[in-house]
């Protein structure tokens, strides 16, 4: 039962953000009824990449 359910469960929006697949991200958020969160997630991704780049330089 678990295996069948896990095959039918869509990926999380965060997965698509990390993979850089914005079309799939938009589709999943629309299916979940959270299409207003697209801009928030994209801005969070930009902030994370800036912080990540700074951390790489520090290391």
N, C-alpha and C. Protein backbone atom coordinates (compact mmCIF):
# COMPACT_ATOMS: atom_id res chain seq x y z
N UNK A 1 0.82 -1.18 0.00
CA UNK A 1 0.00 0.00 0.00
C UNK A 1 0.88 1.26 0.00
N UNK A 2 1.90 1.26 0.84
CA UNK A 2 2.80 2.41 0.92
C UNK A 2 3.52 2.65 -0.40
N UNK A 3 4.00 1.59 -1.03
CA UNK A 3 4.73 1.71 -2.29
C UNK A 3 3.83 2.30 -3.38
N UNK A 4 2.62 1.84 -3.45
CA UNK A 4 1.68 2.36 -4.44
C UNK A 4 1.40 3.84 -4.19
N UNK A 5 1.18 4.19 -2.95
CA UNK A 5 0.91 5.59 -2.61
C UNK A 5 2.11 6.48 -2.92
N UNK A 6 3.30 6.00 -2.61
CA UNK A 6 4.49 6.82 -2.85
C UNK A 6 4.75 7.03 -4.34
N UNK A 7 4.33 6.12 -5.18
CA UNK A 7 4.49 6.29 -6.62
C UNK A 7 3.50 7.32 -7.17
N UNK A 8 2.37 7.48 -6.53
CA UNK A 8 1.34 8.40 -7.00
C UNK A 8 1.45 9.80 -6.38
N UNK A 9 2.31 9.95 -5.37
CA UNK A 9 2.47 11.23 -4.70
C UNK A 9 3.37 12.14 -5.52
N UNK A 10 2.94 13.37 -5.79
CA UNK A 10 3.79 14.28 -6.57
C UNK A 10 4.99 14.74 -5.75
N UNK A 11 6.02 15.21 -6.45
CA UNK A 11 7.20 15.74 -5.78
C UNK A 11 6.83 17.04 -5.06
N UNK A 12 7.62 17.38 -4.07
CA UNK A 12 7.36 18.61 -3.34
C UNK A 12 7.84 19.82 -4.15
N UNK A 13 7.29 20.98 -3.88
CA UNK A 13 7.75 22.17 -4.59
C UNK A 13 9.23 22.46 -4.36
N UNK A 14 9.72 22.15 -3.17
CA UNK A 14 11.13 22.39 -2.86
C UNK A 14 12.03 21.56 -3.75
N UNK A 15 11.62 20.36 -4.08
CA UNK A 15 12.40 19.51 -4.99
C UNK A 15 12.59 20.20 -6.33
N UNK A 16 11.52 20.77 -6.84
CA UNK A 16 11.60 21.45 -8.13
C UNK A 16 12.41 22.74 -8.06
N UNK A 17 12.37 23.41 -6.92
CA UNK A 17 13.20 24.60 -6.74
C UNK A 17 14.67 24.22 -6.79
N UNK A 18 15.04 23.16 -6.10
CA UNK A 18 16.43 22.74 -6.07
C UNK A 18 16.90 22.25 -7.43
N UNK A 19 16.02 21.67 -8.20
CA UNK A 19 16.37 21.19 -9.55
C UNK A 19 16.32 22.31 -10.58
N UNK A 20 15.71 23.45 -10.24
CA UNK A 20 15.63 24.57 -11.16
C UNK A 20 14.54 24.42 -12.21
N UNK A 21 13.56 23.59 -11.95
CA UNK A 21 12.47 23.35 -12.88
C UNK A 21 11.27 24.22 -12.49
N UNK A 22 11.23 25.45 -13.02
CA UNK A 22 10.20 26.39 -12.62
C UNK A 22 8.82 26.04 -13.17
N UNK A 23 8.76 25.44 -14.33
CA UNK A 23 7.45 25.05 -14.89
C UNK A 23 6.78 24.00 -14.02
N UNK A 24 7.54 23.00 -13.62
CA UNK A 24 6.99 21.96 -12.76
C UNK A 24 6.61 22.54 -11.40
N UNK A 25 7.41 23.50 -10.92
CA UNK A 25 7.10 24.16 -9.65
C UNK A 25 5.76 24.88 -9.74
N UNK A 26 5.54 25.61 -10.82
CA UNK A 26 4.28 26.33 -10.99
C UNK A 26 3.10 25.35 -11.06
N UNK A 27 3.30 24.24 -11.77
CA UNK A 27 2.22 23.26 -11.90
C UNK A 27 1.85 22.64 -10.56
N UNK A 28 2.86 22.28 -9.77
CA UNK A 28 2.59 21.65 -8.48
C UNK A 28 1.90 22.64 -7.54
N UNK A 29 2.38 23.87 -7.52
CA UNK A 29 1.75 24.86 -6.64
C UNK A 29 0.31 25.16 -7.05
N UNK A 30 0.04 25.15 -8.35
CA UNK A 30 -1.34 25.36 -8.81
C UNK A 30 -2.22 24.18 -8.42
N UNK A 31 -1.68 22.97 -8.50
CA UNK A 31 -2.45 21.78 -8.10
C UNK A 31 -2.76 21.82 -6.61
N UNK A 32 -1.82 22.36 -5.82
CA UNK A 32 -2.02 22.43 -4.38
C UNK A 32 -2.84 23.65 -3.96
N UNK A 33 -3.19 24.51 -4.92
CA UNK A 33 -3.96 25.70 -4.61
C UNK A 33 -3.14 26.80 -3.98
N UNK A 34 -1.84 26.79 -4.25
CA UNK A 34 -0.94 27.78 -3.64
C UNK A 34 -0.19 28.56 -4.72
N UNK A 35 -0.87 28.95 -5.77
CA UNK A 35 -0.21 29.64 -6.87
C UNK A 35 0.32 31.01 -6.46
N UNK A 36 -0.20 31.57 -5.37
CA UNK A 36 0.29 32.86 -4.88
C UNK A 36 1.69 32.76 -4.27
N UNK A 37 2.13 31.55 -3.94
CA UNK A 37 3.42 31.36 -3.29
C UNK A 37 4.59 31.27 -4.27
N UNK A 38 4.33 31.31 -5.56
CA UNK A 38 5.39 31.17 -6.56
C UNK A 38 6.44 32.26 -6.39
N UNK A 39 6.01 33.49 -6.25
CA UNK A 39 6.96 34.59 -6.10
C UNK A 39 7.75 34.49 -4.80
N UNK A 40 7.09 34.08 -3.72
CA UNK A 40 7.78 33.93 -2.44
C UNK A 40 8.87 32.87 -2.51
N UNK A 41 8.56 31.76 -3.15
CA UNK A 41 9.53 30.68 -3.26
C UNK A 41 10.70 31.08 -4.15
N UNK A 42 10.42 31.76 -5.25
CA UNK A 42 11.50 32.21 -6.13
C UNK A 42 12.40 33.22 -5.43
N UNK A 43 11.83 34.12 -4.64
CA UNK A 43 12.66 35.09 -3.92
C UNK A 43 13.49 34.40 -2.85
N UNK A 44 12.93 33.38 -2.21
CA UNK A 44 13.69 32.62 -1.22
C UNK A 44 14.85 31.89 -1.88
N UNK A 45 14.63 31.40 -3.07
CA UNK A 45 15.70 30.71 -3.80
C UNK A 45 16.84 31.68 -4.12
N UNK A 46 16.50 32.90 -4.54
CA UNK A 46 17.52 33.90 -4.84
C UNK A 46 18.31 34.26 -3.59
N UNK A 47 17.62 34.44 -2.46
CA UNK A 47 18.30 34.75 -1.20
C UNK A 47 19.23 33.62 -0.79
N UNK A 48 18.77 32.39 -0.96
CA UNK A 48 19.59 31.23 -0.60
C UNK A 48 20.84 31.17 -1.46
N UNK A 49 20.70 31.44 -2.75
CA UNK A 49 21.87 31.37 -3.63
C UNK A 49 22.89 32.45 -3.28
N UNK A 50 22.43 33.63 -2.88
CA UNK A 50 23.35 34.69 -2.47
C UNK A 50 24.09 34.30 -1.20
N UNK A 51 23.35 33.77 -0.24
CA UNK A 51 23.97 33.34 1.02
C UNK A 51 24.93 32.19 0.76
N UNK A 52 24.54 31.26 -0.11
CA UNK A 52 25.38 30.12 -0.43
C UNK A 52 26.68 30.56 -1.09
N UNK A 53 26.60 31.53 -2.01
CA UNK A 53 27.80 32.04 -2.67
C UNK A 53 28.74 32.71 -1.67
N UNK A 54 28.20 33.46 -0.73
CA UNK A 54 29.02 34.09 0.29
C UNK A 54 29.69 33.04 1.17
N UNK A 55 28.94 32.00 1.50
CA UNK A 55 29.49 30.93 2.35
C UNK A 55 30.62 30.20 1.62
N UNK A 56 30.49 30.00 0.32
CA UNK A 56 31.56 29.35 -0.45
C UNK A 56 32.83 30.18 -0.43
N UNK A 57 32.71 31.49 -0.53
CA UNK A 57 33.89 32.35 -0.48
C UNK A 57 34.56 32.30 0.90
N UNK A 58 33.75 32.24 1.94
CA UNK A 58 34.29 32.19 3.30
C UNK A 58 35.04 30.89 3.51
N UNK A 59 34.48 29.79 3.02
CA UNK A 59 35.14 28.48 3.17
C UNK A 59 36.44 28.47 2.40
